[in-house]
Amino acid sequence: MNEMFITPIQPISFELGVEKTTKTGGQNNSVFKDIFKEAINNVKTTEADLANKQYLLATGQVEDAHTVPIAAAQAQLAADMLVSLRSAALESYNEIMRINV
């Protein structure tokens, strides 16, 4: 009864306006940039996983045929998330540009 079928979403904890310092060269990377890097890497890994599973299916090495559509759905969701992040960032940028100082 204590086991949950769906794991709850964990909130992202970061402070707005705070920048992290990297170990290489002392350059500053914002949390905003890290979120986009993570989304891009997620798209790359899910696409590579999908290509691998499609190859295994085509060569007859897949034991469970359901893994290919699942991998395709994961890749599509990762791409949709990246596009949504991009759209939200552009909308925010445009809204900031409209602010009269």
N, C-alpha and C. Protein backbone atom coordinates (compact mmCIF):
# COMPACT_ATOMS: atom_id res chain seq x y z
N MET A 1 0.81 -1.19 0.00
CA MET A 1 0.00 0.00 0.00
C MET A 1 0.86 1.26 0.00
N ASN A 2 2.08 1.18 0.55
CA ASN A 2 2.96 2.35 0.58
C ASN A 2 3.68 2.58 -0.73
N GLU A 3 3.72 1.57 -1.60
CA GLU A 3 4.39 1.73 -2.87
C GLU A 3 3.52 2.55 -3.81
N MET A 4 4.17 3.48 -4.53
CA MET A 4 3.45 4.33 -5.46
C MET A 4 3.73 3.84 -6.87
N PHE A 5 2.68 3.78 -7.69
CA PHE A 5 2.85 3.35 -9.07
C PHE A 5 3.58 4.40 -9.88
N ILE A 6 3.24 5.66 -9.67
CA ILE A 6 3.86 6.77 -10.39
C ILE A 6 4.72 7.54 -9.40
N THR A 7 5.99 7.74 -9.74
CA THR A 7 6.85 8.51 -8.85
C THR A 7 6.53 9.99 -8.99
N PRO A 8 6.40 10.70 -7.90
CA PRO A 8 6.05 12.12 -7.98
C PRO A 8 7.18 12.96 -8.56
N ILE A 9 6.82 14.07 -9.16
CA ILE A 9 7.79 14.98 -9.74
C ILE A 9 8.49 15.73 -8.61
N GLN A 10 9.81 15.75 -8.66
CA GLN A 10 10.60 16.45 -7.66
C GLN A 10 10.82 17.88 -8.13
N PRO A 11 10.60 18.86 -7.27
CA PRO A 11 10.80 20.25 -7.69
C PRO A 11 12.28 20.56 -7.92
N ILE A 12 12.54 21.45 -8.88
CA ILE A 12 13.90 21.90 -9.15
C ILE A 12 14.21 23.00 -8.16
N SER A 13 15.27 22.84 -7.42
CA SER A 13 15.62 23.86 -6.44
C SER A 13 16.79 24.68 -6.96
N PHE A 14 16.50 25.95 -7.23
CA PHE A 14 17.54 26.89 -7.62
C PHE A 14 17.08 28.28 -7.25
N GLU A 15 18.04 29.15 -7.09
CA GLU A 15 17.75 30.52 -6.74
C GLU A 15 17.87 31.38 -7.99
N LEU A 16 16.88 32.20 -8.24
CA LEU A 16 16.91 33.05 -9.42
C LEU A 16 17.99 34.11 -9.28
N GLY A 17 18.69 34.33 -10.36
CA GLY A 17 19.71 35.37 -10.38
C GLY A 17 21.05 34.93 -9.81
N VAL A 18 21.15 33.73 -9.30
CA VAL A 18 22.40 33.25 -8.73
C VAL A 18 23.13 32.47 -9.80
N GLU A 19 24.41 32.74 -9.94
CA GLU A 19 25.21 32.04 -10.94
C GLU A 19 26.19 31.12 -10.25
N LYS A 20 26.48 30.00 -10.90
CA LYS A 20 27.46 29.05 -10.38
C LYS A 20 28.78 29.29 -11.09
N THR A 21 29.87 29.05 -10.40
CA THR A 21 31.19 29.19 -10.99
C THR A 21 31.71 27.80 -11.34
N THR A 22 32.20 27.66 -12.56
CA THR A 22 32.76 26.37 -12.97
C THR A 22 34.20 26.27 -12.52
N LYS A 23 34.73 25.06 -12.55
CA LYS A 23 36.11 24.84 -12.14
C LYS A 23 37.09 25.25 -13.22
N THR A 24 36.66 25.30 -14.47
CA THR A 24 37.56 25.61 -15.57
C THR A 24 37.50 27.08 -15.91
N GLY A 25 38.53 27.80 -15.63
CA GLY A 25 38.65 29.18 -16.06
C GLY A 25 37.83 30.18 -15.28
N GLY A 26 37.06 29.76 -14.28
CA GLY A 26 36.28 30.70 -13.50
C GLY A 26 35.12 31.32 -14.26
N GLN A 27 34.69 30.72 -15.36
CA GLN A 27 33.57 31.27 -16.11
C GLN A 27 32.28 31.01 -15.36
N ASN A 28 31.32 31.92 -15.54
CA ASN A 28 30.03 31.78 -14.87
C ASN A 28 29.03 31.10 -15.79
N ASN A 29 28.36 30.10 -15.27
CA ASN A 29 27.27 29.43 -15.98
C ASN A 29 26.01 29.58 -15.16
N SER A 30 24.98 30.08 -15.77
CA SER A 30 23.74 30.25 -15.04
C SER A 30 22.95 28.95 -15.00
N VAL A 31 22.04 28.88 -14.10
CA VAL A 31 21.17 27.72 -13.98
C VAL A 31 20.33 27.59 -15.25
N PHE A 32 19.96 28.71 -15.82
CA PHE A 32 19.17 28.75 -17.05
C PHE A 32 19.89 28.01 -18.17
N LYS A 33 21.16 28.27 -18.31
CA LYS A 33 21.95 27.61 -19.35
C LYS A 33 22.06 26.11 -19.08
N ASP A 34 22.21 25.74 -17.82
CA ASP A 34 22.31 24.33 -17.46
C ASP A 34 21.03 23.57 -17.76
N ILE A 35 19.89 24.21 -17.59
CA ILE A 35 18.61 23.57 -17.89
C ILE A 35 18.52 23.27 -19.38
N PHE A 36 18.94 24.22 -20.22
CA PHE A 36 18.92 24.00 -21.66
C PHE A 36 19.91 22.91 -22.08
N LYS A 37 21.09 22.91 -21.47
CA LYS A 37 22.07 21.87 -21.79
C LYS A 37 21.52 20.49 -21.43
N GLU A 38 20.88 20.39 -20.29
CA GLU A 38 20.31 19.12 -19.87
C GLU A 38 19.20 18.67 -20.83
N ALA A 39 18.37 19.60 -21.27
CA ALA A 39 17.30 19.26 -22.21
C ALA A 39 17.87 18.80 -23.56
N ILE A 40 18.91 19.48 -24.03
CA ILE A 40 19.54 19.09 -25.30
C ILE A 40 20.20 17.72 -25.17
N ASN A 41 20.88 17.48 -24.07
CA ASN A 41 21.51 16.17 -23.86
C ASN A 41 20.45 15.07 -23.74
N ASN A 42 19.32 15.39 -23.14
CA ASN A 42 18.23 14.43 -23.03
C ASN A 42 17.70 14.05 -24.40
N VAL A 43 17.57 15.04 -25.29
CA VAL A 43 17.11 14.77 -26.66
C VAL A 43 18.13 13.89 -27.38
N LYS A 44 19.40 14.21 -27.23
CA LYS A 44 20.45 13.42 -27.90
C LYS A 44 20.45 11.97 -27.42
N THR A 45 20.36 11.77 -26.12
CA THR A 45 20.42 10.40 -25.59
C THR A 45 19.18 9.60 -25.95
N THR A 46 18.01 10.22 -25.91
CA THR A 46 16.80 9.48 -26.26
C THR A 46 16.77 9.16 -27.75
N GLU A 47 17.27 10.06 -28.59
CA GLU A 47 17.34 9.78 -30.02
C GLU A 47 18.33 8.64 -30.31
N ALA A 48 19.46 8.63 -29.63
CA ALA A 48 20.44 7.56 -29.81
C ALA A 48 19.87 6.22 -29.33
N ASP A 49 19.15 6.25 -28.22
CA ASP A 49 18.53 5.03 -27.70
C ASP A 49 17.48 4.51 -28.68
N LEU A 50 16.70 5.41 -29.25
CA LEU A 50 15.69 5.01 -30.23
C LEU A 50 16.35 4.39 -31.47
N ALA A 51 17.40 5.01 -31.97
CA ALA A 51 18.09 4.47 -33.14
C ALA A 51 18.66 3.09 -32.85
N ASN A 52 19.20 2.91 -31.67
CA ASN A 52 19.75 1.61 -31.28
C ASN A 52 18.64 0.55 -31.21
N LYS A 53 17.52 0.90 -30.61
CA LYS A 53 16.42 -0.06 -30.49
C LYS A 53 15.81 -0.37 -31.86
N GLN A 54 15.75 0.62 -32.75
CA GLN A 54 15.25 0.37 -34.10
C GLN A 54 16.19 -0.58 -34.85
N TYR A 55 17.49 -0.40 -34.66
CA TYR A 55 18.47 -1.29 -35.28
C TYR A 55 18.29 -2.72 -34.76
N LEU A 56 18.14 -2.83 -33.44
CA LEU A 56 17.96 -4.16 -32.86
C LEU A 56 16.67 -4.81 -33.35
N LEU A 57 15.62 -4.02 -33.53
CA LEU A 57 14.36 -4.56 -34.04
C LEU A 57 14.53 -5.02 -35.50
N ALA A 58 15.22 -4.20 -36.29
CA ALA A 58 15.40 -4.54 -37.70
C ALA A 58 16.25 -5.79 -37.89
N THR A 59 17.18 -6.03 -36.99
CA THR A 59 18.04 -7.21 -37.10
C THR A 59 17.49 -8.41 -36.34
N GLY A 60 16.33 -8.24 -35.70
CA GLY A 60 15.70 -9.36 -35.00
C GLY A 60 16.30 -9.68 -33.66
N GLN A 61 16.97 -8.75 -33.05
CA GLN A 61 17.63 -9.00 -31.77
C GLN A 61 16.81 -8.51 -30.57
N VAL A 62 15.64 -7.92 -30.82
CA VAL A 62 14.81 -7.40 -29.73
C VAL A 62 13.95 -8.52 -29.17
N GLU A 63 13.97 -8.68 -27.87
CA GLU A 63 13.13 -9.69 -27.22
C GLU A 63 11.71 -9.18 -27.03
N ASP A 64 11.57 -7.91 -26.76
CA ASP A 64 10.26 -7.32 -26.49
C ASP A 64 10.01 -6.21 -27.51
N ALA A 65 9.06 -6.39 -28.38
CA ALA A 65 8.79 -5.41 -29.45
C ALA A 65 8.22 -4.10 -28.91
N HIS A 66 7.77 -4.09 -27.68
CA HIS A 66 7.18 -2.87 -27.12
C HIS A 66 8.22 -1.82 -26.76
N THR A 67 9.48 -2.21 -26.69
CA THR A 67 10.51 -1.25 -26.30
C THR A 67 10.73 -0.17 -27.37
N VAL A 68 10.50 -0.50 -28.63
CA VAL A 68 10.72 0.48 -29.70
C VAL A 68 9.69 1.61 -29.65
N PRO A 69 8.38 1.32 -29.56
CA PRO A 69 7.43 2.44 -29.44
C PRO A 69 7.61 3.25 -28.16
N ILE A 70 8.03 2.59 -27.10
CA ILE A 70 8.28 3.31 -25.84
C ILE A 70 9.45 4.27 -26.02
N ALA A 71 10.52 3.80 -26.65
CA ALA A 71 11.68 4.66 -26.91
C ALA A 71 11.31 5.80 -27.85
N ALA A 72 10.44 5.54 -28.82
CA ALA A 72 10.00 6.59 -29.74
C ALA A 72 9.19 7.65 -28.99
N ALA A 73 8.34 7.22 -28.08
CA ALA A 73 7.55 8.16 -27.29
C ALA A 73 8.45 9.00 -26.38
N GLN A 74 9.45 8.37 -25.79
CA GLN A 74 10.39 9.12 -24.93
C GLN A 74 11.16 10.15 -25.75
N ALA A 75 11.60 9.77 -26.93
CA ALA A 75 12.33 10.72 -27.78
C ALA A 75 11.43 11.88 -28.20
N GLN A 76 10.18 11.58 -28.52
CA GLN A 76 9.25 12.63 -28.91
C GLN A 76 8.97 13.58 -27.75
N LEU A 77 8.80 13.04 -26.55
CA LEU A 77 8.56 13.88 -25.38
C LEU A 77 9.76 14.76 -25.06
N ALA A 78 10.95 14.21 -25.20
CA ALA A 78 12.16 15.00 -24.95
C ALA A 78 12.27 16.16 -25.95
N ALA A 79 11.96 15.89 -27.22
CA ALA A 79 12.01 16.95 -28.23
C ALA A 79 10.92 17.98 -27.98
N ASP A 80 9.73 17.53 -27.61
CA ASP A 80 8.64 18.47 -27.30
C ASP A 80 8.99 19.36 -26.11
N MET A 81 9.64 18.78 -25.11
CA MET A 81 10.04 19.55 -23.94
C MET A 81 11.06 20.62 -24.31
N LEU A 82 12.01 20.27 -25.16
CA LEU A 82 13.02 21.24 -25.60
C LEU A 82 12.37 22.37 -26.39
N VAL A 83 11.44 22.04 -27.25
CA VAL A 83 10.74 23.07 -28.04
C VAL A 83 9.92 23.96 -27.11
N SER A 84 9.28 23.38 -26.12
CA SER A 84 8.50 24.17 -25.16
C SER A 84 9.39 25.11 -24.36
N LEU A 85 10.55 24.63 -23.94
CA LEU A 85 11.50 25.48 -23.21
C LEU A 85 11.96 26.64 -24.08
N ARG A 86 12.26 26.35 -25.34
CA ARG A 86 12.68 27.38 -26.28
C ARG A 86 11.59 28.42 -26.47
N SER A 87 10.36 27.97 -26.65
CA SER A 87 9.25 28.90 -26.86
C SER A 87 9.02 29.78 -25.64
N ALA A 88 9.09 29.19 -24.46
CA ALA A 88 8.91 29.96 -23.23
C ALA A 88 10.03 30.98 -23.06
N ALA A 89 11.25 30.59 -23.40
CA ALA A 89 12.38 31.53 -23.28
C ALA A 89 12.22 32.69 -24.26
N LEU A 90 11.80 32.40 -25.49
CA LEU A 90 11.60 33.47 -26.47
C LEU A 90 10.46 34.39 -26.07
N GLU A 91 9.37 33.84 -25.55
CA GLU A 91 8.27 34.67 -25.08
C GLU A 91 8.71 35.57 -23.93
N SER A 92 9.50 35.02 -23.02
CA SER A 92 10.00 35.81 -21.90
C SER A 92 10.92 36.92 -22.38
N TYR A 93 11.79 36.60 -23.32
CA TYR A 93 12.70 37.60 -23.87
C TYR A 93 11.92 38.72 -24.54
N ASN A 94 10.93 38.36 -25.35
CA ASN A 94 10.12 39.38 -26.03
C ASN A 94 9.36 40.24 -25.03
N GLU A 95 8.88 39.63 -23.96
CA GLU A 95 8.17 40.40 -22.93
C GLU A 95 9.12 41.36 -22.22
N ILE A 96 10.33 40.94 -21.97
CA ILE A 96 11.32 41.83 -21.32
C ILE A 96 11.66 42.99 -22.25
N MET A 97 11.75 42.72 -23.54
CA MET A 97 12.08 43.78 -24.50
C MET A 97 10.96 44.81 -24.61
N ARG A 98 9.73 44.44 -24.29
CA ARG A 98 8.61 45.38 -24.34
C ARG A 98 8.53 46.29 -23.12
N ILE A 99 9.27 45.98 -22.10
CA ILE A 99 9.22 46.78 -20.87
C ILE A 99 9.83 48.15 -21.15
N ASN A 100 9.10 49.19 -20.80
CA ASN A 100 9.62 50.55 -20.94
C ASN A 100 10.38 50.94 -19.69
N VAL A 101 11.56 51.44 -19.91
CA VAL A 101 12.40 51.84 -18.78
C VAL A 101 12.24 53.30 -18.49
